[in-house]
PDB file of all heavy atoms in Angstrom:
ATOM      1  N   PHE A   1     163.433 155.785  22.981  1.00  0.00           N
ATOM      2  CA  PHE A   1     163.596 155.547  21.556  1.00  0.00           C
ATOM      3  C   PHE A   1     164.262 156.791  20.967  1.00  0.00           C
ATOM      4  O   PHE A   1     163.579 157.755  20.613  1.00  0.00           O
ATOM      5  CB  PHE A   1     162.248 155.318  20.881  1.00  0.00           C
ATOM      6  CG  PHE A   1     161.358 154.341  21.604  1.00  0.00           C
ATOM      7  CD1 PHE A   1     160.445 154.797  22.551  1.00  0.00           C
ATOM      8  CD2 PHE A   1     161.443 152.987  21.348  1.00  0.00           C
ATOM      9  CE1 PHE A   1     159.620 153.911  23.219  1.00  0.00           C
ATOM     10  CE2 PHE A   1     160.613 152.089  22.018  1.00  0.00           C
ATOM     11  CZ  PHE A   1     159.704 152.547  22.960  1.00  0.00           C
ATOM     12  N   GLY A   2     165.574 156.797  20.908  1.00  0.00           N
ATOM     13  CA  GLY A   2     166.262 157.997  20.425  1.00  0.00           C
ATOM     14  C   GLY A   2     165.914 159.188  21.295  1.00  0.00           C
ATOM     15  O   GLY A   2     166.092 159.154  22.524  1.00  0.00           O
ATOM     16  N   PRO A   3     165.368 160.276  20.713  1.00  0.00           N
ATOM     17  CA  PRO A   3     165.021 161.463  21.499  1.00  0.00           C
ATOM     18  C   PRO A   3     163.628 161.401  22.119  1.00  0.00           C
ATOM     19  O   PRO A   3     163.140 162.402  22.635  1.00  0.00           O
ATOM     20  CB  PRO A   3     165.090 162.580  20.459  1.00  0.00           C
ATOM     21  CG  PRO A   3     164.660 161.911  19.192  1.00  0.00           C
ATOM     22  CD  PRO A   3     165.187 160.498  19.265  1.00  0.00           C
ATOM     23  N   ILE A   4     162.976 160.237  22.065  1.00  0.00           N
ATOM     24  CA  ILE A   4     161.621 160.085  22.596  1.00  0.00           C
ATOM     25  C   ILE A   4     161.645 159.122  23.779  1.00  0.00           C
ATOM     26  O   ILE A   4     162.244 158.051  23.711  1.00  0.00           O
ATOM     27  CB  ILE A   4     160.654 159.578  21.518  1.00  0.00           C
ATOM     28  CG1 ILE A   4     160.500 160.639  20.418  1.00  0.00           C
ATOM     29  CG2 ILE A   4     159.297 159.228  22.117  1.00  0.00           C
ATOM     30  CD1 ILE A   4     159.638 160.195  19.263  1.00  0.00           C
ATOM     31  N   ILE A   5     160.999 159.535  24.865  1.00  0.00           N
ATOM     32  CA  ILE A   5     160.910 158.702  26.062  1.00  0.00           C
ATOM     33  C   ILE A   5     159.443 158.472  26.390  1.00  0.00           C
ATOM     34  O   ILE A   5     158.646 159.419  26.405  1.00  0.00           O
ATOM     35  CB  ILE A   5     161.627 159.363  27.262  1.00  0.00           C
ATOM     36  CG1 ILE A   5     163.108 159.579  26.953  1.00  0.00           C
ATOM     37  CG2 ILE A   5     161.464 158.524  28.524  1.00  0.00           C
ATOM     38  CD1 ILE A   5     163.859 160.309  28.042  1.00  0.00           C
ATOM     39  N   HIS A   6     159.078 157.234  26.675  1.00  0.00           N
ATOM     40  CA  HIS A   6     157.748 156.878  27.154  1.00  0.00           C
ATOM     41  C   HIS A   6     157.859 156.515  28.629  1.00  0.00           C
ATOM     42  O   HIS A   6     158.524 155.551  28.994  1.00  0.00           O
ATOM     43  CB  HIS A   6     157.186 155.696  26.371  1.00  0.00           C
ATOM     44  CG  HIS A   6     156.823 156.035  24.960  1.00  0.00           C
ATOM     45  ND1 HIS A   6     156.404 155.086  24.045  1.00  0.00           N
ATOM     46  CD2 HIS A   6     156.815 157.220  24.302  1.00  0.00           C
ATOM     47  CE1 HIS A   6     156.158 155.675  22.892  1.00  0.00           C
ATOM     48  NE2 HIS A   6     156.401 156.969  23.019  1.00  0.00           N
ATOM     49  N   ILE A   7     157.217 157.338  29.472  1.00  0.00           N
ATOM     50  CA  ILE A   7     157.287 157.139  30.917  1.00  0.00           C
ATOM     51  C   ILE A   7     155.967 156.553  31.394  1.00  0.00           C
ATOM     52  O   ILE A   7     154.889 157.076  31.103  1.00  0.00           O
ATOM     53  CB  ILE A   7     157.562 158.476  31.640  1.00  0.00           C
ATOM     54  CG1 ILE A   7     158.825 159.142  31.087  1.00  0.00           C
ATOM     55  CG2 ILE A   7     157.680 158.259  33.142  1.00  0.00           C
ATOM     56  CD1 ILE A   7     159.056 160.543  31.604  1.00  0.00           C
ATOM     57  N   HIS A   8     156.036 155.465  32.176  1.00  0.00           N
ATOM     58  CA  HIS A   8     154.840 154.814  32.702  1.00  0.00           C
ATOM     59  C   HIS A   8     154.504 155.440  34.055  1.00  0.00           C
ATOM     60  O   HIS A   8     155.158 155.169  35.064  1.00  0.00           O
ATOM     61  CB  HIS A   8     155.071 153.311  32.832  1.00  0.00           C
ATOM     62  CG  HIS A   8     155.362 152.646  31.514  1.00  0.00           C
ATOM     63  ND1 HIS A   8     154.384 152.211  30.663  1.00  0.00           N
ATOM     64  CD2 HIS A   8     156.549 152.389  30.890  1.00  0.00           C
ATOM     65  CE1 HIS A   8     154.931 151.693  29.581  1.00  0.00           C
ATOM     66  NE2 HIS A   8     156.243 151.785  29.690  1.00  0.00           N
ATOM     67  N   VAL A   9     153.485 156.289  34.054  1.00  0.00           N
ATOM     68  CA  VAL A   9     153.135 157.049  35.254  1.00  0.00           C
ATOM     69  C   VAL A   9     152.021 156.347  36.015  1.00  0.00           C
ATOM     70  O   VAL A   9     151.297 155.505  35.469  1.00  0.00           O
ATOM     71  CB  VAL A   9     152.712 158.486  34.883  1.00  0.00           C
ATOM     72  CG1 VAL A   9     153.861 159.224  34.235  1.00  0.00           C
ATOM     73  CG2 VAL A   9     151.484 158.475  33.969  1.00  0.00           C
ATOM     74  N   PRO A  10     151.841 156.672  37.310  1.00  0.00           N
ATOM     75  CA  PRO A  10     150.789 156.040  38.116  1.00  0.00           C
ATOM     76  C   PRO A  10     149.390 156.372  37.598  1.00  0.00           C
ATOM     77  O   PRO A  10     149.189 157.310  36.827  1.00  0.00           O
ATOM     78  CB  PRO A  10     151.014 156.635  39.511  1.00  0.00           C
ATOM     79  CG  PRO A  10     152.412 157.142  39.506  1.00  0.00           C
ATOM     80  CD  PRO A  10     152.697 157.559  38.105  1.00  0.00           C
ATOM     81  N   GLU A  11     148.431 155.595  38.062  1.00  0.00           N
ATOM     82  CA  GLU A  11     147.034 155.781  37.656  1.00  0.00           C
ATOM     83  C   GLU A  11     146.519 157.159  38.048  1.00  0.00           C
ATOM     84  O   GLU A  11     145.881 157.856  37.256  1.00  0.00           O
ATOM     85  CB  GLU A  11     146.168 154.694  38.307  1.00  0.00           C
ATOM     86  CG  GLU A  11     144.712 154.705  37.897  1.00  0.00           C
ATOM     87  CD  GLU A  11     144.484 154.129  36.506  1.00  0.00           C
ATOM     88  OE1 GLU A  11     145.357 153.388  36.016  1.00  0.00           O
ATOM     89  OE2 GLU A  11     143.428 154.426  35.920  1.00  0.00           O
ATOM     90  N   GLU A  12     146.806 157.583  39.262  1.00  0.00           N
ATOM     91  CA  GLU A  12     146.292 158.850  39.775  1.00  0.00           C
ATOM     92  C   GLU A  12     147.372 159.921  39.723  1.00  0.00           C
ATOM     93  O   GLU A  12     148.525 159.667  40.080  1.00  0.00           O
ATOM     94  CB  GLU A  12     145.798 158.691  41.217  1.00  0.00           C
ATOM     95  CG  GLU A  12     144.657 157.687  41.391  1.00  0.00           C
ATOM     96  CD  GLU A  12     143.400 158.120  40.674  1.00  0.00           C
ATOM     97  OE1 GLU A  12     143.176 159.347  40.547  1.00  0.00           O
ATOM     98  OE2 GLU A  12     142.629 157.235  40.245  1.00  0.00           O
ATOM     99  N   GLN A  13     146.975 161.126  39.303  1.00  0.00           N
ATOM    100  CA  GLN A  13     147.925 162.235  39.311  1.00  0.00           C
ATOM    101  C   GLN A  13     148.145 162.700  40.745  1.00  0.00           C
ATOM    102  O   GLN A  13     147.204 162.796  41.532  1.00  0.00           O
ATOM    103  CB  GLN A  13     147.422 163.378  38.450  1.00  0.00           C
ATOM    104  CG  GLN A  13     146.105 164.003  38.894  1.00  0.00           C
ATOM    105  CD  GLN A  13     145.629 165.067  37.930  1.00  0.00           C
ATOM    106  OE1 GLN A  13     145.955 165.046  36.755  1.00  0.00           O
ATOM    107  NE2 GLN A  13     144.858 166.022  38.438  1.00  0.00           N
ATOM    108  N   PRO A  14     149.399 162.993  41.121  1.00  0.00           N
ATOM    109  CA  PRO A  14     149.693 163.349  42.516  1.00  0.00           C
ATOM    110  C   PRO A  14     149.112 164.704  42.934  1.00  0.00           C
ATOM    111  O   PRO A  14     148.779 164.889  44.100  1.00  0.00           O
ATOM    112  CB  PRO A  14     151.223 163.393  42.549  1.00  0.00           C
ATOM    113  CG  PRO A  14     151.661 162.585  41.371  1.00  0.00           C
ATOM    114  CD  PRO A  14     150.612 162.789  40.330  1.00  0.00           C
ATOM    115  N   ASP A  15     148.984 165.641  41.990  1.00  0.00           N
ATOM    116  CA  ASP A  15     148.559 166.987  42.361  1.00  0.00           C
ATOM    117  C   ASP A  15     147.433 167.446  41.436  1.00  0.00           C
ATOM    118  O   ASP A  15     147.494 167.211  40.229  1.00  0.00           O
ATOM    119  CB  ASP A  15     149.739 167.970  42.267  1.00  0.00           C
ATOM    120  CG  ASP A  15     149.405 169.336  42.838  1.00  0.00           C
ATOM    121  OD1 ASP A  15     149.549 169.514  44.061  1.00  0.00           O
ATOM    122  OD2 ASP A  15     148.968 170.212  42.068  1.00  0.00           O
ATOM    123  N   PRO A  16     146.410 168.094  41.990  1.00  0.00           N
ATOM    124  CA  PRO A  16     145.284 168.513  41.144  1.00  0.00           C
ATOM    125  C   PRO A  16     145.610 169.660  40.200  1.00  0.00           C
ATOM    126  O   PRO A  16     144.887 169.877  39.227  1.00  0.00           O
ATOM    127  CB  PRO A  16     144.219 168.935  42.169  1.00  0.00           C
ATOM    128  CG  PRO A  16     144.997 169.303  43.398  1.00  0.00           C
ATOM    129  CD  PRO A  16     146.175 168.387  43.407  1.00  0.00           C
ATOM    130  N   TYR A  17     146.671 170.415  40.489  1.00  0.00           N
ATOM    131  CA  TYR A  17     147.052 171.527  39.624  1.00  0.00           C
ATOM    132  C   TYR A  17     148.173 171.138  38.659  1.00  0.00           C
ATOM    133  O   TYR A  17     147.984 171.103  37.444  1.00  0.00           O
ATOM    134  CB  TYR A  17     147.504 172.733  40.468  1.00  0.00           C
ATOM    135  CG  TYR A  17     146.388 173.389  41.234  1.00  0.00           C
ATOM    136  CD1 TYR A  17     146.425 173.465  42.624  1.00  0.00           C
ATOM    137  CD2 TYR A  17     145.308 173.955  40.576  1.00  0.00           C
ATOM    138  CE1 TYR A  17     145.400 174.063  43.335  1.00  0.00           C
ATOM    139  CE2 TYR A  17     144.272 174.569  41.271  1.00  0.00           C
ATOM    140  CZ  TYR A  17     144.326 174.623  42.656  1.00  0.00           C
ATOM    141  OH  TYR A  17     143.312 175.228  43.351  1.00  0.00           O
ATOM    142  N   VAL A  18     149.347 170.859  39.211  1.00  0.00           N
ATOM    143  CA  VAL A  18     150.512 170.518  38.398  1.00  0.00           C
ATOM    144  C   VAL A  18     151.242 169.366  39.073  1.00  0.00           C
ATOM    145  O   VAL A  18     151.704 169.504  40.203  1.00  0.00           O
ATOM    146  CB  VAL A  18     151.476 171.712  38.253  1.00  0.00           C
ATOM    147  CG1 VAL A  18     152.564 171.380  37.240  1.00  0.00           C
ATOM    148  CG2 VAL A  18     150.748 172.984  37.842  1.00  0.00           C
ATOM    149  N   SER A  19     151.341 168.242  38.394  1.00  0.00           N
ATOM    150  CA  SER A  19     152.124 167.112  38.913  1.00  0.00           C
ATOM    151  C   SER A  19     153.532 167.199  38.345  1.00  0.00           C
ATOM    152  O   SER A  19     153.737 167.680  37.229  1.00  0.00           O
ATOM    153  CB  SER A  19     151.472 165.790  38.521  1.00  0.00           C
ATOM    154  OG  SER A  19     150.188 165.687  39.114  1.00  0.00           O
ATOM    155  N   VAL A  20     154.513 166.715  39.134  1.00  0.00           N
ATOM    156  CA  VAL A  20     155.919 166.925  38.775  1.00  0.00           C
ATOM    157  C   VAL A  20     156.663 165.591  38.757  1.00  0.00           C
ATOM    158  O   VAL A  20     156.530 164.776  39.676  1.00  0.00           O
ATOM    159  CB  VAL A  20     156.600 167.883  39.777  1.00  0.00           C
ATOM    160  CG1 VAL A  20     158.068 168.093  39.401  1.00  0.00           C
ATOM    161  CG2 VAL A  20     155.874 169.230  39.815  1.00  0.00           C
ATOM    162  N   LEU A  21     157.455 165.397  37.694  1.00  0.00           N
ATOM    163  CA  LEU A  21     158.385 164.279  37.613  1.00  0.00           C
ATOM    164  C   LEU A  21     159.799 164.823  37.582  1.00  0.00           C
ATOM    165  O   LEU A  21     160.070 165.847  36.930  1.00  0.00           O
ATOM    166  CB  LEU A  21     158.146 163.434  36.350  1.00  0.00           C
ATOM    167  CG  LEU A  21     156.959 162.465  36.367  1.00  0.00           C
ATOM    168  CD1 LEU A  21     155.646 163.213  36.163  1.00  0.00           C
ATOM    169  CD2 LEU A  21     157.122 161.402  35.281  1.00  0.00           C
ATOM    170  N   LYS A  22     160.709 164.153  38.295  1.00  0.00           N
ATOM    171  CA  LYS A  22     162.120 164.553  38.328  1.00  0.00           C
ATOM    172  C   LYS A  22     162.929 163.563  37.497  1.00  0.00           C
ATOM    173  O   LYS A  22     162.816 162.353  37.678  1.00  0.00           O
ATOM    174  CB  LYS A  22     162.629 164.600  39.769  1.00  0.00           C
ATOM    175  CG  LYS A  22     164.096 165.011  39.871  1.00  0.00           C
ATOM    176  CD  LYS A  22     164.497 165.343  41.306  1.00  0.00           C
ATOM    177  CE  LYS A  22     164.428 164.125  42.217  1.00  0.00           C
ATOM    178  NZ  LYS A  22     164.963 164.420  43.569  1.00  0.00           N
ATOM    179  N   VAL A  23     163.744 164.114  36.606  1.00  0.00           N
ATOM    180  CA  VAL A  23     164.555 163.284  35.719  1.00  0.00           C
ATOM    181  C   VAL A  23     166.029 163.501  36.051  1.00  0.00           C
ATOM    182  O   VAL A  23     166.520 164.640  36.026  1.00  0.00           O
ATOM    183  CB  VAL A  23     164.299 163.643  34.241  1.00  0.00           C
ATOM    184  CG1 VAL A  23     165.147 162.773  33.317  1.00  0.00           C
ATOM    185  CG2 VAL A  23     162.815 163.499  33.911  1.00  0.00           C
ATOM    186  N   THR A  24     166.714 162.422  36.382  1.00  0.00           N
ATOM    187  CA  THR A  24     168.147 162.481  36.667  1.00  0.00           C
ATOM    188  C   THR A  24     168.911 161.974  35.452  1.00  0.00           C
ATOM    189  O   THR A  24     168.624 160.888  34.931  1.00  0.00           O
ATOM    190  CB  THR A  24     168.500 161.618  37.890  1.00  0.00           C
ATOM    191  OG1 THR A  24     167.740 162.071  39.016  1.00  0.00           O
ATOM    192  CG2 THR A  24     169.985 161.709  38.217  1.00  0.00           C
ATOM    193  N   MET A  25     169.893 162.773  34.991  1.00  0.00           N
ATOM    194  CA  MET A  25     170.692 162.416  33.817  1.00  0.00           C
ATOM    195  C   MET A  25     172.155 162.740  34.086  1.00  0.00           C
ATOM    196  O   MET A  25     172.461 163.768  34.696  1.00  0.00           O
ATOM    197  CB  MET A  25     170.217 163.192  32.583  1.00  0.00           C
ATOM    198  CG  MET A  25     168.731 163.084  32.300  1.00  0.00           C
ATOM    199  SD  MET A  25     168.193 164.096  30.908  1.00  0.00           S
ATOM    200  CE  MET A  25     168.843 163.147  29.539  1.00  0.00           C
ATOM    201  N   ASP A  26     173.044 161.855  33.650  1.00  0.00           N
ATOM    202  CA  ASP A  26     174.475 162.128  33.789  1.00  0.00           C
ATOM    203  C   ASP A  26     174.938 163.163  32.776  1.00  0.00           C
ATOM    204  O   ASP A  26     175.869 163.938  33.035  1.00  0.00           O
ATOM    205  CB  ASP A  26     175.281 160.832  33.600  1.00  0.00           C
ATOM    206  CG  ASP A  26     175.043 159.849  34.737  1.00  0.00           C
ATOM    207  OD1 ASP A  26     174.710 160.311  35.844  1.00  0.00           O
ATOM    208  OD2 ASP A  26     175.177 158.631  34.510  1.00  0.00           O
ATOM    209  N   GLN A  27     174.309 163.172  31.598  1.00  0.00           N
ATOM    210  CA  GLN A  27     174.623 164.135  30.548  1.00  0.00           C
ATOM    211  C   GLN A  27     173.344 164.839  30.121  1.00  0.00           C
ATOM    212  O   GLN A  27     172.240 164.347  30.366  1.00  0.00           O
ATOM    213  CB  GLN A  27     175.266 163.440  29.341  1.00  0.00           C
ATOM    214  CG  GLN A  27     176.612 162.796  29.650  1.00  0.00           C
ATOM    215  CD  GLN A  27     177.209 162.124  28.419  1.00  0.00           C
ATOM    216  OE1 GLN A  27     176.484 161.564  27.595  1.00  0.00           O
ATOM    217  NE2 GLN A  27     178.522 162.182  28.290  1.00  0.00           N
ATOM    218  N   HIS A  28     173.517 166.004  29.491  1.00  0.00           N
ATOM    219  CA  HIS A  28     172.358 166.758  29.027  1.00  0.00           C
ATOM    220  C   HIS A  28     172.537 167.067  27.544  1.00  0.00           C
ATOM    221  O   HIS A  28     173.075 168.110  27.171  1.00  0.00           O
ATOM    222  CB  HIS A  28     172.183 168.047  29.831  1.00  0.00           C
ATOM    223  CG  HIS A  28     171.868 167.816  31.275  1.00  0.00           C
ATOM    224  ND1 HIS A  28     172.840 167.697  32.237  1.00  0.00           N
ATOM    225  CD2 HIS A  28     170.687 167.644  31.916  1.00  0.00           C
ATOM    226  CE1 HIS A  28     172.272 167.491  33.414  1.00  0.00           C
ATOM    227  NE2 HIS A  28     170.973 167.453  33.246  1.00  0.00           N
ATOM    228  N   GLN A  29     172.099 166.112  26.732  1.00  0.00           N
ATOM    229  CA  GLN A  29     172.115 166.320  25.288  1.00  0.00           C
ATOM    230  C   GLN A  29     170.675 166.371  24.798  1.00  0.00           C
ATOM    231  O   GLN A  29     169.856 165.526  25.165  1.00  0.00           O
ATOM    232  CB  GLN A  29     172.877 165.196  24.586  1.00  0.00           C
ATOM    233  CG  GLN A  29     174.373 165.165  24.937  1.00  0.00           C
ATOM    234  CD  GLN A  29     175.095 164.033  24.233  1.00  0.00           C
ATOM    235  OE1 GLN A  29     174.481 163.059  23.801  1.00  0.00           O
ATOM    236  NE2 GLN A  29     176.409 164.141  24.143  1.00  0.00           N
ATOM    237  N   PHE A  30     170.387 167.363  23.952  1.00  0.00           N
ATOM    238  CA  PHE A  30     169.023 167.582  23.512  1.00  0.00           C
ATOM    239  C   PHE A  30     168.945 167.531  21.991  1.00  0.00           C
ATOM    240  O   PHE A  30     169.877 167.912  21.294  1.00  0.00           O
ATOM    241  CB  PHE A  30     168.507 168.936  24.003  1.00  0.00           C
ATOM    242  CG  PHE A  30     168.664 169.143  25.487  1.00  0.00           C
ATOM    243  CD1 PHE A  30     169.624 170.015  25.986  1.00  0.00           C
ATOM    244  CD2 PHE A  30     167.856 168.458  26.377  1.00  0.00           C
ATOM    245  CE1 PHE A  30     169.786 170.192  27.342  1.00  0.00           C
ATOM    246  CE2 PHE A  30     168.009 168.633  27.741  1.00  0.00           C
ATOM    247  CZ  PHE A  30     168.971 169.503  28.228  1.00  0.00           C
ATOM    248  N   ASN A  31     167.819 167.078  21.520  1.00  0.00           N
ATOM    249  CA  ASN A  31     167.503 167.158  20.104  1.00  0.00           C
ATOM    250  C   ASN A  31     166.480 168.275  19.950  1.00  0.00           C
ATOM    251  O   ASN A  31     165.318 168.130  20.347  1.00  0.00           O
ATOM    252  CB  ASN A  31     166.939 165.823  19.588  1.00  0.00           C
ATOM    253  CG  ASN A  31     166.779 165.811  18.080  1.00  0.00           C
ATOM    254  OD1 ASN A  31     166.436 166.813  17.469  1.00  0.00           O
ATOM    255  ND2 ASN A  31     167.028 164.656  17.476  1.00  0.00           N
ATOM    256  N   THR A  32     166.923 169.391  19.411  1.00  0.00           N
ATOM    257  CA  THR A  32     166.082 170.593  19.373  1.00  0.00           C
ATOM    258  C   THR A  32     165.253 170.693  18.102  1.00  0.00           C
ATOM    259  O   THR A  32     164.501 171.649  17.934  1.00  0.00           O
ATOM    260  CB  THR A  32     166.951 171.848  19.495  1.00  0.00           C
ATOM    261  OG1 THR A  32     167.859 171.906  18.379  1.00  0.00           O
ATOM    262  CG2 THR A  32     167.743 171.846  20.786  1.00  0.00           C
ATOM    263  N   GLU A  33     165.380 169.721  17.185  1.00  0.00           N
ATOM    264  CA  GLU A  33     164.737 169.857  15.876  1.00  0.00           C
ATOM    265  C   GLU A  33     163.535 168.943  15.677  1.00  0.00           C
ATOM    266  O   GLU A  33     162.628 169.276  14.923  1.00  0.00           O
ATOM    267  CB  GLU A  33     165.759 169.606  14.764  1.00  0.00           C
ATOM    268  CG  GLU A  33     166.867 170.660  14.718  1.00  0.00           C
ATOM    269  CD  GLU A  33     167.799 170.462  13.535  1.00  0.00           C
ATOM    270  OE1 GLU A  33     167.967 169.295  13.101  1.00  0.00           O
ATOM    271  OE2 GLU A  33     168.335 171.467  13.029  1.00  0.00           O
ATOM    272  N   VAL A  34     163.525 167.768  16.327  1.00  0.00           N
ATOM    273  CA  VAL A  34     162.448 166.819  16.030  1.00  0.00           C
ATOM    274  C   VAL A  34     161.112 167.297  16.590  1.00  0.00           C
ATOM    275  O   VAL A  34     161.042 167.979  17.611  1.00  0.00           O
ATOM    276  CB  VAL A  34     162.764 165.410  16.587  1.00  0.00           C
ATOM    277  CG1 VAL A  34     163.920 164.786  15.836  1.00  0.00           C
ATOM    278  CG2 VAL A  34     163.025 165.465  18.082  1.00  0.00           C
ATOM    279  N   VAL A  35     160.050 166.918  15.882  1.00  0.00           N
ATOM    280  CA  VAL A  35     158.693 167.241  16.294  1.00  0.00           C
ATOM    281  C   VAL A  35     158.300 166.381  17.493  1.00  0.00           C
ATOM    282  O   VAL A  35     158.609 165.189  17.538  1.00  0.00           O
ATOM    283  CB  VAL A  35     157.719 166.986  15.120  1.00  0.00           C
ATOM    284  CG1 VAL A  35     156.274 167.140  15.562  1.00  0.00           C
ATOM    285  CG2 VAL A  35     158.046 167.932  13.962  1.00  0.00           C
ATOM    286  N   ALA A  36     157.625 166.978  18.460  1.00  0.00           N
ATOM    287  CA  ALA A  36     157.239 166.247  19.665  1.00  0.00           C
ATOM    288  C   ALA A  36     156.112 165.260  19.383  1.00  0.00           C
ATOM    289  O   ALA A  36     155.226 165.509  18.557  1.00  0.00           O
ATOM    290  CB  ALA A  36     156.801 167.216  20.749  1.00  0.00           C
ATOM    291  N   GLU A  37     156.148 164.135  20.095  1.00  0.00           N
ATOM    292  CA  GLU A  37     155.056 163.174  20.015  1.00  0.00           C
ATOM    293  C   GLU A  37     153.884 163.689  20.834  1.00  0.00           C
ATOM    294  O   GLU A  37     154.052 164.213  21.938  1.00  0.00           O
ATOM    295  CB  GLU A  37     155.507 161.815  20.542  1.00  0.00           C
ATOM    296  CG  GLU A  37     154.486 160.712  20.336  1.00  0.00           C
ATOM    297  CD  GLU A  37     154.998 159.352  20.786  1.00  0.00           C
ATOM    298  OE1 GLU A  37     156.063 159.296  21.438  1.00  0.00           O
ATOM    299  OE2 GLU A  37     154.315 158.354  20.496  1.00  0.00           O
ATOM    300  N   SER A  38     152.678 163.549  20.302  1.00  0.00           N
ATOM    301  CA  SER A  38     151.478 164.040  20.970  1.00  0.00           C
ATOM    302  C   SER A  38     151.080 163.128  22.134  1.00  0.00           C
ATOM    303  O   SER A  38     151.574 162.008  22.266  1.00  0.00           O
ATOM    304  CB  SER A  38     150.327 164.141  19.973  1.00  0.00           C
ATOM    305  OG  SER A  38     150.606 165.076  18.966  1.00  0.00           O
ATOM    306  N   THR A  39     150.157 163.611  22.948  1.00  0.00           N
ATOM    307  CA  THR A  39     149.762 162.904  24.162  1.00  0.00           C
ATOM    308  C   THR A  39     149.306 161.473  23.897  1.00  0.00           C
ATOM    309  O   THR A  39     149.676 160.541  24.611  1.00  0.00           O
ATOM    310  CB  THR A  39     148.642 163.672  24.889  1.00  0.00           C
ATOM    311  OG1 THR A  39     149.190 164.879  25.433  1.00  0.00           O
ATOM    312  CG2 THR A  39     148.056 162.860  26.027  1.00  0.00           C
ATOM    313  N   PHE A  40     148.506 161.243  22.870  1.00  0.00           N
ATOM    314  CA  PHE A  40     147.999 159.909  22.583  1.00  0.00           C
ATOM    315  C   PHE A  40     148.810 159.199  21.499  1.00  0.00           C
ATOM    316  O   PHE A  40     148.373 158.206  20.927  1.00  0.00           O
ATOM    317  CB  PHE A  40     146.528 159.976  22.155  1.00  0.00           C
ATOM    318  CG  PHE A  40     145.603 160.361  23.273  1.00  0.00           C
ATOM    319  CD1 PHE A  40     145.136 161.653  23.387  1.00  0.00           C
ATOM    320  CD2 PHE A  40     145.212 159.426  24.218  1.00  0.00           C
ATOM    321  CE1 PHE A  40     144.283 162.008  24.420  1.00  0.00           C
ATOM    322  CE2 PHE A  40     144.353 159.771  25.250  1.00  0.00           C
ATOM    323  CZ  PHE A  40     143.892 161.073  25.352  1.00  0.00           C
ATOM    324  N   GLY A  41     150.015 159.698  21.217  1.00  0.00           N
ATOM    325  CA  GLY A  41     150.801 159.150  20.128  1.00  0.00           C
ATOM    326  C   GLY A  41     150.497 159.910  18.845  1.00  0.00           C
ATOM    327  O   GLY A  41     149.472 160.574  18.715  1.00  0.00           O
ATOM    328  N   GLY A  42     151.386 159.804  17.877  1.00  0.00           N
ATOM    329  CA  GLY A  42     151.215 160.548  16.642  1.00  0.00           C
ATOM    330  C   GLY A  42     152.004 161.841  16.667  1.00  0.00           C
ATOM    331  O   GLY A  42     152.407 162.339  17.733  1.00  0.00           O
ATOM    332  N   PHE A  43     152.227 162.393  15.456  1.00  0.00           N
ATOM    333  CA  PHE A  43     153.061 163.578  15.315  1.00  0.00           C
ATOM    334  C   PHE A  43     152.351 164.603  14.432  1.00  0.00           C
ATOM    335  O   PHE A  43     151.908 164.283  13.327  1.00  0.00           O
ATOM    336  CB  PHE A  43     154.409 163.209  14.686  1.00  0.00           C
ATOM    337  CG  PHE A  43     155.171 162.181  15.479  1.00  0.00           C
ATOM    338  CD1 PHE A  43     154.934 160.824  15.294  1.00  0.00           C
ATOM    339  CD2 PHE A  43     156.106 162.567  16.421  1.00  0.00           C
ATOM    340  CE1 PHE A  43     155.622 159.867  16.019  1.00  0.00           C
ATOM    341  CE2 PHE A  43     156.801 161.620  17.162  1.00  0.00           C
ATOM    342  CZ  PHE A  43     156.557 160.266  16.965  1.00  0.00           C
TER     343      PHE A  43
END
């Protein structure tokens, strides 16, 4: 949704310390001004 992405992750986290997702993009354009969406939704 514009500069916001909702990723559907698996039920279990892969790593007990830090789990990692890799994002492949053809271009790298960023929106540096918008407020981030919180973990459970909301701003």
